[in-house]
Amino acid sequence: MSSLDSARNGTAASVTPRPDQVGLAGRIVTAANGVRWWVRVLIVFVVSRIISTGMLLAFAAQQVAAPGWVTQQPNLIEYSNLWDGQWYWRIALYGYPSMLPVNDYGQVTESAWAFMPVYPMLVRGLSAVTAVPWPVMAPLVSVVFGLATCLLLYKLFRRYLSDSQTLFAILLYCISPVSPMLQVSYAESMGAFFITLALWLLVQRRYGWMFAVVPIMALTRPLGLAFALMLGLLWLLRFARRNVEPFPVRERITTIILGFYTVGWGFLWPAVAWIGTGSFTAYTDTELAWRRPYIGDQHLVPFTAWFQGANWWIGAPWGAIILVAVIALCVASFWLPQMRRLGIELRLWVASYGIYLLAVFFPQSSTFRMLMPMFPALGAIAQPKSPVYRMIVVVLCLIGQWVWLSIGWAIDPPDWTPP
């Protein structure tokens, strides 16, 4: 492929310098360029998991006993099955309760209905077939989906970025502050894979396969409504630009059908909770139980929880003022050249998921984990090629990972900060 062809396809041409023109670093880069792309991704993933494992073991060595959660100085397997991992394990063993648990005041409390079924049921099935215990199989499934996500993410990012930028974006994904999610018994790793797969199919306009992917994605993590919003915004944008970029009638109809189909799957789990418990608001009541310790008993009013949370954490009126400023900066970032280079589908997904979080989520100790599905934005952060810049970003990610583990994963009884 010529340099001109590479430029037309949005990729950088690969130029291999002569050995006498480069030093040790140059020879390493030259050698790396000869390695297959999937091998390089695999190396990045394995090294990152070794780093995260080392951090987990360091925290496990300092972990005190927390009855009902963890023993003192647990091994890696036990330490990888904390917090929501316990809920998923409970679902695999006992399923979902037919009656919502309530406290002495008749208020619905935490229960398994807050968690989607695909991940725990998959782990349960694999454990039954292989005889591998659930606490071992669950992190293993997360690792496999983490690697699969990185491999697919390479193909997705490579449509917009050079090879170097793509690999750096994957590195940032693998060492980000919440990257331990890729190896613990949470559904985030599996959910990220199906987000990436759905986006990959979307940019290729392979809508038929998306009808098969959407149900799994929507029942792994609560992503269906955000994805439906993205499809709706994409339809409007493509329709408005139909004279510039073709938007055939068949694609218009297919996208509309897919959008409503995704909405249906987005609302399916609340409907299942309603049928399973007899309570129309079973799912939302269960989700609201997690924010009660912060702001008391509240109804779900869209787009209010972040302002309530900001005022709770920071205090009024500065909490709301700072929140508005942060939202404004996030919106402005979509006009940066680095973001615009990612393609409209990826940008709309990041925006749609952000809108979804603003509508329904209460900011608390799980906030950083909940931001994980916005990982396509890493493609923008990865674009500058300065070695100094990249080193600083890597160091900040590793520091952030240590900080996140200390405030989120490690348990200091009594601990009210689940990751």
Protein backbone atom coordinates (compact mmCIF):
# COMPACT_ATOMS: atom_id res chain seq x y z
CA MET A 1 0.00 0.00 0.00
CA SER A 2 1.44 3.39 -1.00
CA SER A 3 1.63 6.41 1.29
CA LEU A 4 -1.16 8.04 -0.73
CA ASP A 5 -3.36 4.94 -0.37
CA SER A 6 -2.67 4.89 3.36
CA ALA A 7 -3.66 8.52 3.69
CA ARG A 8 -6.88 7.92 1.78
CA ASN A 9 -7.77 5.08 4.13
CA GLY A 10 -7.07 7.13 7.24
CA THR A 11 -4.01 5.09 8.26
CA ALA A 12 -0.39 5.98 8.57
CA ALA A 13 2.10 4.54 6.08
CA SER A 14 4.70 2.29 7.65
CA VAL A 15 8.25 3.46 6.92
CA THR A 16 11.07 1.16 8.03
CA PRO A 17 14.36 3.00 8.60
CA ARG A 18 17.73 1.45 7.78
CA PRO A 19 19.51 -0.18 10.77
CA ASP A 20 22.32 2.39 10.54
CA GLN A 21 19.82 5.22 10.96
CA VAL A 22 18.44 4.15 14.31
CA GLY A 23 19.64 3.38 17.79
CA LEU A 24 18.49 0.67 20.18
CA ALA A 25 14.99 2.15 20.50
CA GLY A 26 14.68 2.34 16.74
CA ARG A 27 15.76 -1.27 16.29
CA ILE A 28 13.17 -2.36 18.86
CA VAL A 29 10.45 -0.47 16.99
CA THR A 30 11.61 -1.93 13.68
CA ALA A 31 11.53 -5.45 15.10
CA ALA A 32 8.09 -4.87 16.62
CA ASN A 33 6.74 -3.75 13.26
CA GLY A 34 7.52 -7.20 11.92
CA VAL A 35 5.40 -8.94 14.56
CA ARG A 36 1.81 -9.76 13.70
CA TRP A 37 -0.69 -7.28 15.09
CA TRP A 38 -2.50 -9.83 17.24
CA VAL A 39 0.78 -10.91 18.87
CA ARG A 40 1.51 -7.31 19.84
CA VAL A 41 -1.99 -6.93 21.27
CA LEU A 42 -1.56 -10.19 23.19
CA ILE A 43 1.75 -9.00 24.64
CA VAL A 44 0.19 -5.71 25.75
CA PHE A 45 -2.70 -7.54 27.37
CA VAL A 46 -0.56 -10.12 29.17
CA VAL A 47 1.91 -7.55 30.52
CA SER A 48 -0.93 -5.32 31.72
CA ARG A 49 -2.59 -8.22 33.50
CA ILE A 50 0.68 -9.09 35.23
CA ILE A 51 0.87 -5.49 36.47
CA SER A 52 -2.75 -5.49 37.70
CA THR A 53 -2.27 -8.91 39.31
CA GLY A 54 0.75 -7.59 41.18
CA MET A 55 -1.31 -4.68 42.48
CA LEU A 56 -4.16 -6.97 43.54
CA LEU A 57 -1.73 -9.25 45.37
CA ALA A 58 -0.15 -6.27 47.11
CA PHE A 59 -3.53 -5.13 48.41
CA ALA A 60 -4.54 -8.69 49.30
CA ALA A 61 -1.42 -9.03 51.44
CA GLN A 62 -2.60 -6.01 53.48
CA GLN A 63 -6.28 -6.97 53.55
CA VAL A 64 -7.86 -7.36 56.97
CA ALA A 65 -10.71 -9.79 57.59
CA ALA A 66 -14.17 -8.51 56.74
CA PRO A 67 -16.81 -11.03 57.86
CA GLY A 68 -19.15 -11.95 55.03
CA TRP A 69 -16.78 -10.53 52.42
CA VAL A 70 -13.18 -11.63 52.71
CA THR A 71 -10.70 -13.36 55.01
CA GLN A 72 -7.46 -11.83 56.18
CA GLN A 73 -4.73 -11.84 53.51
CA PRO A 74 -6.81 -13.77 50.94
CA ASN A 75 -5.33 -15.50 47.91
CA LEU A 76 -5.79 -14.04 44.43
CA ILE A 77 -8.88 -16.12 43.62
CA GLU A 78 -10.75 -15.05 46.74
CA TYR A 79 -9.65 -11.45 46.29
CA SER A 80 -10.94 -11.48 42.70
CA ASN A 81 -14.46 -12.39 43.82
CA LEU A 82 -15.36 -9.47 46.06
CA TRP A 83 -18.24 -7.00 45.96
CA ASP A 84 -20.55 -7.54 42.96
CA GLY A 85 -18.76 -10.82 42.30
CA GLN A 86 -20.52 -12.14 45.39
CA TRP A 87 -23.87 -11.09 43.94
CA TYR A 88 -23.15 -12.80 40.63
CA TRP A 89 -22.09 -15.97 42.45
CA ARG A 90 -25.31 -15.86 44.48
CA ILE A 91 -27.32 -15.54 41.25
CA ALA A 92 -25.52 -18.53 39.77
CA LEU A 93 -26.32 -20.60 42.86
CA TYR A 94 -29.85 -19.50 43.73
CA GLY A 95 -31.22 -17.41 40.88
CA TYR A 96 -33.36 -14.35 41.59
CA PRO A 97 -35.71 -13.89 44.57
CA SER A 98 -39.44 -14.04 43.98
CA MET A 99 -40.01 -11.50 46.78
CA LEU A 100 -38.16 -8.21 47.09
CA PRO A 101 -36.33 -7.90 50.42
CA VAL A 102 -37.40 -4.92 52.53
CA ASN A 103 -36.10 -3.23 55.67
CA ASP A 104 -37.99 -2.44 58.87
CA TYR A 105 -39.55 0.60 57.20
CA GLY A 106 -40.90 -1.39 54.26
CA GLN A 107 -38.31 0.03 51.87
CA VAL A 108 -36.87 -2.24 49.17
CA THR A 109 -33.25 -3.13 49.89
CA GLU A 110 -30.39 -4.45 47.74
CA SER A 111 -31.01 -7.70 45.88
CA ALA A 112 -29.88 -9.74 42.90
CA TRP A 113 -32.41 -8.03 40.62
CA ALA A 114 -29.93 -5.17 40.09
CA PHE A 115 -27.65 -7.53 38.14
CA MET A 116 -28.13 -8.85 34.62
CA PRO A 117 -28.20 -12.63 34.10
CA VAL A 118 -25.96 -13.44 31.11
CA TYR A 119 -22.58 -13.30 32.85
CA PRO A 120 -23.43 -15.37 35.96
CA MET A 121 -25.37 -17.92 33.90
CA LEU A 122 -22.50 -18.28 31.42
CA VAL A 123 -20.01 -18.82 34.25
CA ARG A 124 -22.39 -21.28 35.87
CA GLY A 125 -22.72 -23.26 32.65
CA LEU A 126 -18.98 -23.36 32.03
CA SER A 127 -18.36 -24.42 35.62
CA ALA A 128 -20.85 -27.25 35.28
CA VAL A 129 -19.29 -28.47 32.02
CA THR A 130 -15.66 -28.20 33.11
CA ALA A 131 -16.01 -28.86 36.87
CA VAL A 132 -13.95 -25.71 37.46
CA PRO A 133 -15.27 -23.93 40.59
CA TRP A 134 -17.24 -20.75 40.06
CA PRO A 135 -14.70 -18.51 41.89
CA VAL A 136 -12.01 -19.70 39.47
CA MET A 137 -14.13 -19.70 36.33
CA ALA A 138 -15.61 -16.21 36.83
CA PRO A 139 -12.30 -14.26 36.69
CA LEU A 140 -11.13 -16.54 33.88
CA VAL A 141 -14.18 -15.65 31.80
CA SER A 142 -13.47 -11.97 32.41
CA VAL A 143 -9.86 -12.40 31.26
CA VAL A 144 -10.92 -14.19 28.06
CA PHE A 145 -13.45 -11.49 27.19
CA GLY A 146 -10.88 -8.83 28.08
CA LEU A 147 -8.43 -10.24 25.56
CA ALA A 148 -11.17 -10.70 22.94
CA THR A 149 -12.16 -7.06 23.42
CA CYS A 150 -8.60 -5.88 22.86
CA LEU A 151 -8.25 -7.91 19.67
CA LEU A 152 -11.52 -6.58 18.29
CA LEU A 153 -10.77 -3.08 19.54
CA TYR A 154 -7.59 -3.12 17.43
CA LYS A 155 -9.66 -3.78 14.30
CA LEU A 156 -12.13 -1.06 15.27
CA PHE A 157 -9.58 1.64 16.14
CA ARG A 158 -7.43 0.77 13.12
CA ARG A 159 -10.17 2.20 10.90
CA TYR A 160 -9.35 5.65 12.26
CA LEU A 161 -5.86 5.56 13.79
CA SER A 162 -2.34 4.49 12.88
CA ASP A 163 -0.95 1.22 14.16
CA SER A 164 1.06 2.99 16.88
CA GLN A 165 -1.91 5.03 18.05
CA THR A 166 -4.15 1.96 18.05
CA LEU A 167 -1.74 -0.08 20.16
CA PHE A 168 -1.33 2.81 22.58
CA ALA A 169 -5.11 3.14 22.90
CA ILE A 170 -5.32 -0.57 23.73
CA LEU A 171 -2.51 -0.18 26.26
CA LEU A 172 -4.46 2.62 27.95
CA TYR A 173 -7.55 0.42 28.02
CA CYS A 174 -5.53 -2.37 29.65
CA ILE A 175 -3.89 -0.20 32.33
CA SER A 176 -6.65 2.33 32.98
CA PRO A 177 -7.61 2.94 36.62
CA VAL A 178 -10.53 0.49 36.37
CA SER A 179 -8.70 -2.11 34.26
CA PRO A 180 -8.69 -4.70 37.11
CA MET A 181 -12.30 -5.22 35.99
CA LEU A 182 -10.79 -7.23 33.14
CA GLN A 183 -9.76 -10.00 35.54
CA VAL A 184 -12.24 -10.06 38.42
CA SER A 185 -15.70 -11.61 38.66
CA TYR A 186 -17.60 -8.65 37.25
CA ALA A 187 -19.60 -8.49 34.00
CA GLU A 188 -17.78 -5.35 32.77
CA SER A 189 -15.26 -7.25 30.65
CA MET A 190 -17.95 -9.26 28.90
CA GLY A 191 -20.08 -6.15 28.45
CA ALA A 192 -17.16 -4.26 26.89
CA PHE A 193 -16.67 -7.05 24.36
CA PHE A 194 -20.27 -6.88 23.16
CA ILE A 195 -20.17 -3.08 22.99
CA THR A 196 -17.06 -3.32 20.81
CA LEU A 197 -18.62 -6.04 18.68
CA ALA A 198 -21.83 -4.05 18.21
CA LEU A 199 -19.87 -0.93 17.22
CA TRP A 200 -17.67 -2.95 14.87
CA LEU A 201 -20.74 -4.35 13.14
CA LEU A 202 -22.36 -0.92 13.01
CA VAL A 203 -19.47 0.82 11.29
CA GLN A 204 -19.49 -1.99 8.71
CA ARG A 205 -23.27 -1.66 8.28
CA ARG A 206 -23.73 -5.34 9.09
CA TYR A 207 -27.12 -4.83 10.71
CA GLY A 208 -28.28 -8.43 10.50
CA TRP A 209 -25.63 -9.64 12.96
CA MET A 210 -26.47 -6.78 15.31
CA PHE A 211 -29.92 -8.26 15.88
CA ALA A 212 -28.15 -11.24 17.44
CA VAL A 213 -25.62 -9.20 19.46
CA VAL A 214 -27.98 -6.63 21.00
CA PRO A 215 -29.90 -9.09 23.28
CA ILE A 216 -26.68 -10.47 24.77
CA MET A 217 -25.26 -6.98 25.28
CA ALA A 218 -28.46 -5.67 26.87
CA LEU A 219 -28.68 -8.59 29.32
CA THR A 220 -25.00 -8.53 30.27
CA ARG A 221 -24.88 -4.90 31.38
CA PRO A 222 -27.63 -2.23 31.25
CA LEU A 223 -26.49 -0.88 27.90
CA GLY A 224 -29.52 -1.37 25.68
CA LEU A 225 -31.17 2.03 26.13
CA ALA A 226 -27.92 3.91 25.61
CA PHE A 227 -27.25 1.95 22.43
CA ALA A 228 -30.79 2.62 21.22
CA LEU A 229 -30.26 6.34 21.81
CA MET A 230 -27.06 6.18 19.78
CA LEU A 231 -28.87 4.47 16.91
CA GLY A 232 -31.58 7.14 16.98
CA LEU A 233 -29.06 10.00 16.91
CA LEU A 234 -27.12 8.30 14.13
CA TRP A 235 -30.29 7.91 12.07
CA LEU A 236 -31.12 11.60 12.45
CA LEU A 237 -27.60 12.68 11.53
CA ARG A 238 -27.35 10.41 8.51
CA PHE A 239 -30.80 11.48 7.34
CA ALA A 240 -29.81 15.15 7.63
CA ARG A 241 -26.65 14.44 5.61
CA ARG A 242 -28.26 12.13 3.06
CA ASN A 243 -27.38 14.48 0.19
CA VAL A 244 -23.72 14.41 1.22
CA GLU A 245 -23.39 10.79 2.32
CA PRO A 246 -25.77 8.15 0.89
CA PHE A 247 -28.36 6.83 3.31
CA PRO A 248 -30.36 4.28 1.29
CA VAL A 249 -34.01 3.72 2.14
CA ARG A 250 -33.31 0.12 3.05
CA GLU A 251 -30.73 1.23 5.65
CA ARG A 252 -33.13 3.85 7.01
CA ILE A 253 -35.83 1.23 7.58
CA THR A 254 -33.39 -1.34 8.98
CA THR A 255 -31.89 1.16 11.42
CA ILE A 256 -35.34 2.22 12.66
CA ILE A 257 -36.33 -1.41 13.22
CA LEU A 258 -33.02 -2.11 14.97
CA GLY A 259 -33.49 0.96 17.17
CA PHE A 260 -36.93 -0.08 18.41
CA TYR A 261 -35.68 -3.64 18.78
CA THR A 262 -32.86 -2.38 21.00
CA VAL A 263 -35.28 -0.27 23.06
CA GLY A 264 -37.32 -3.40 23.69
CA TRP A 265 -34.31 -5.31 24.91
CA GLY A 266 -33.30 -2.33 27.03
CA PHE A 267 -36.61 -2.51 28.91
CA LEU A 268 -36.78 -6.32 29.02
CA TRP A 269 -34.97 -6.82 32.32
CA PRO A 270 -37.18 -4.39 34.27
CA ALA A 271 -40.15 -6.26 32.78
CA VAL A 272 -38.67 -9.61 33.86
CA ALA A 273 -38.17 -8.23 37.39
CA TRP A 274 -41.81 -7.09 37.39
CA ILE A 275 -43.01 -10.55 36.32
CA GLY A 276 -40.67 -12.32 38.73
CA THR A 277 -41.65 -10.31 41.80
CA GLY A 278 -45.09 -8.92 41.02
CA SER A 279 -43.82 -5.38 41.56
CA PHE A 280 -43.92 -3.06 38.54
CA THR A 281 -41.02 -1.00 39.93
CA ALA A 282 -38.96 -3.93 41.19
CA TYR A 283 -35.87 -3.12 39.13
CA THR A 284 -35.81 0.64 39.74
CA ASP A 285 -36.63 0.20 43.44
CA THR A 286 -33.71 -2.20 43.75
CA GLU A 287 -31.34 0.17 41.98
CA LEU A 288 -32.50 3.08 44.14
CA ALA A 289 -31.66 1.07 47.26
CA TRP A 290 -27.96 1.61 46.57
CA ARG A 291 -28.28 5.40 46.73
CA ARG A 292 -30.42 5.51 49.88
CA PRO A 293 -27.40 5.67 52.25
CA TYR A 294 -26.38 8.89 50.51
CA ILE A 295 -29.57 10.91 49.95
CA GLY A 296 -32.31 8.88 51.62
CA ASP A 297 -35.39 7.40 49.97
CA GLN A 298 -35.94 9.04 46.57
CA HIS A 299 -37.97 8.45 43.43
CA LEU A 300 -36.24 7.99 40.09
CA VAL A 301 -36.44 11.40 38.39
CA PRO A 302 -34.30 11.48 35.24
CA PHE A 303 -31.38 13.95 35.13
CA THR A 304 -31.59 14.89 38.81
CA ALA A 305 -29.35 12.32 40.51
CA TRP A 306 -26.05 13.85 39.41
CA PHE A 307 -27.05 17.22 40.83
CA GLN A 308 -28.18 15.55 44.05
CA GLY A 309 -24.90 13.68 44.20
CA ALA A 310 -22.76 16.72 43.43
CA ASN A 311 -24.46 18.69 46.20
CA TRP A 312 -24.08 15.73 48.58
CA TRP A 313 -20.37 15.27 47.86
CA ILE A 314 -19.33 18.92 47.49
CA GLY A 315 -22.18 20.94 48.94
CA ALA A 316 -24.69 23.34 47.42
CA PRO A 317 -24.47 25.41 45.30
CA TRP A 318 -20.86 24.64 44.30
CA GLY A 319 -21.59 20.99 43.64
CA ALA A 320 -24.11 21.80 40.92
CA ILE A 321 -21.93 24.61 39.52
CA ILE A 322 -18.88 22.36 39.22
CA LEU A 323 -21.00 19.60 37.68
CA VAL A 324 -22.33 21.96 34.99
CA ALA A 325 -18.76 23.09 34.24
CA VAL A 326 -17.56 19.49 33.91
CA ILE A 327 -20.48 18.62 31.61
CA ALA A 328 -19.71 21.68 29.47
CA LEU A 329 -16.06 20.64 29.14
CA CYS A 330 -17.08 17.11 28.19
CA VAL A 331 -19.45 18.43 25.52
CA ALA A 332 -16.76 20.79 24.18
CA SER A 333 -14.30 17.88 23.90
CA PHE A 334 -16.37 16.36 21.09
CA TRP A 335 -15.23 19.20 18.84
CA LEU A 336 -11.54 18.44 19.38
CA PRO A 337 -9.80 17.15 16.23
CA GLN A 338 -8.77 14.00 18.09
CA MET A 339 -12.38 13.15 18.88
CA ARG A 340 -13.66 14.07 15.42
CA ARG A 341 -11.16 11.67 13.89
CA LEU A 342 -12.75 8.68 15.64
CA GLY A 343 -15.79 8.53 13.42
CA ILE A 344 -19.37 9.45 14.12
CA GLU A 345 -20.47 6.05 15.46
CA LEU A 346 -17.86 5.96 18.22
CA ARG A 347 -18.47 9.58 19.18
CA LEU A 348 -22.22 9.10 19.30
CA TRP A 349 -21.80 6.03 21.49
CA VAL A 350 -19.66 7.93 24.01
CA ALA A 351 -22.17 10.80 24.00
CA SER A 352 -25.22 8.54 24.26
CA TYR A 353 -23.84 6.53 27.12
CA GLY A 354 -22.91 9.76 28.89
CA ILE A 355 -26.47 11.01 28.48
CA TYR A 356 -27.79 7.70 29.80
CA LEU A 357 -25.61 7.96 32.92
CA LEU A 358 -26.73 11.54 33.51
CA ALA A 359 -30.34 10.39 33.26
CA VAL A 360 -30.33 7.42 35.63
CA PHE A 361 -27.10 7.03 37.61
CA PHE A 362 -26.26 8.45 41.03
CA PRO A 363 -22.55 9.34 41.34
CA GLN A 364 -20.92 7.33 44.10
CA SER A 365 -18.00 4.97 44.57
CA SER A 366 -18.92 2.95 41.46
CA THR A 367 -18.78 6.00 39.20
CA PHE A 368 -15.39 5.27 37.64
CA ARG A 369 -16.42 1.70 36.86
CA MET A 370 -19.65 2.93 35.32
CA LEU A 371 -17.64 5.18 33.00
CA MET A 372 -15.82 2.16 31.57
CA PRO A 373 -18.15 1.71 28.52
CA MET A 374 -16.93 5.11 27.27
CA PHE A 375 -13.57 3.47 26.44
CA PRO A 376 -13.74 4.41 22.71
CA ALA A 377 -12.74 7.90 23.86
CA LEU A 378 -9.30 6.44 24.61
CA GLY A 379 -8.74 6.60 20.86
CA ALA A 380 -8.60 10.38 21.17
CA ILE A 381 -6.25 10.35 24.16
CA ALA A 382 -3.90 7.97 22.32
CA GLN A 383 -3.32 10.13 19.24
CA PRO A 384 -0.43 12.42 20.31
CA LYS A 385 2.80 10.63 19.48
CA SER A 386 5.17 12.44 21.82
CA PRO A 387 7.08 9.84 23.90
CA VAL A 388 7.05 12.20 26.88
CA TYR A 389 3.28 12.64 26.62
CA ARG A 390 2.73 8.90 26.34
CA MET A 391 4.96 8.14 29.31
CA ILE A 392 3.11 10.68 31.45
CA VAL A 393 -0.26 9.20 30.48
CA VAL A 394 0.94 5.67 31.28
CA VAL A 395 2.27 6.74 34.68
CA LEU A 396 -0.98 8.54 35.48
CA CYS A 397 -2.99 5.44 34.53
CA LEU A 398 -0.91 3.21 36.78
CA ILE A 399 -1.17 5.65 39.67
CA GLY A 400 -4.91 5.88 39.05
CA GLN A 401 -5.20 2.10 39.09
CA TRP A 402 -3.46 1.92 42.48
CA VAL A 403 -5.66 4.71 43.87
CA TRP A 404 -8.82 3.07 42.54
CA LEU A 405 -7.91 -0.25 44.11
CA SER A 406 -7.20 1.44 47.43
CA ILE A 407 -10.47 3.37 47.64
CA GLY A 408 -12.70 0.96 45.73
CA TRP A 409 -11.58 -2.65 45.85
CA ALA A 410 -9.78 -2.98 49.18
CA ILE A 411 -12.22 -3.45 52.07
CA ASP A 412 -11.76 -1.44 55.27
CA PRO A 413 -14.64 -2.54 57.54
CA PRO A 414 -17.16 -1.05 57.80
CA ASP A 415 -16.83 -0.18 54.09
CA TRP A 416 -19.60 1.57 52.15
CA THR A 417 -17.61 2.19 48.94
CA PRO A 418 -18.21 -0.75 46.57
CA PRO A 419 -16.35 -0.36 43.28
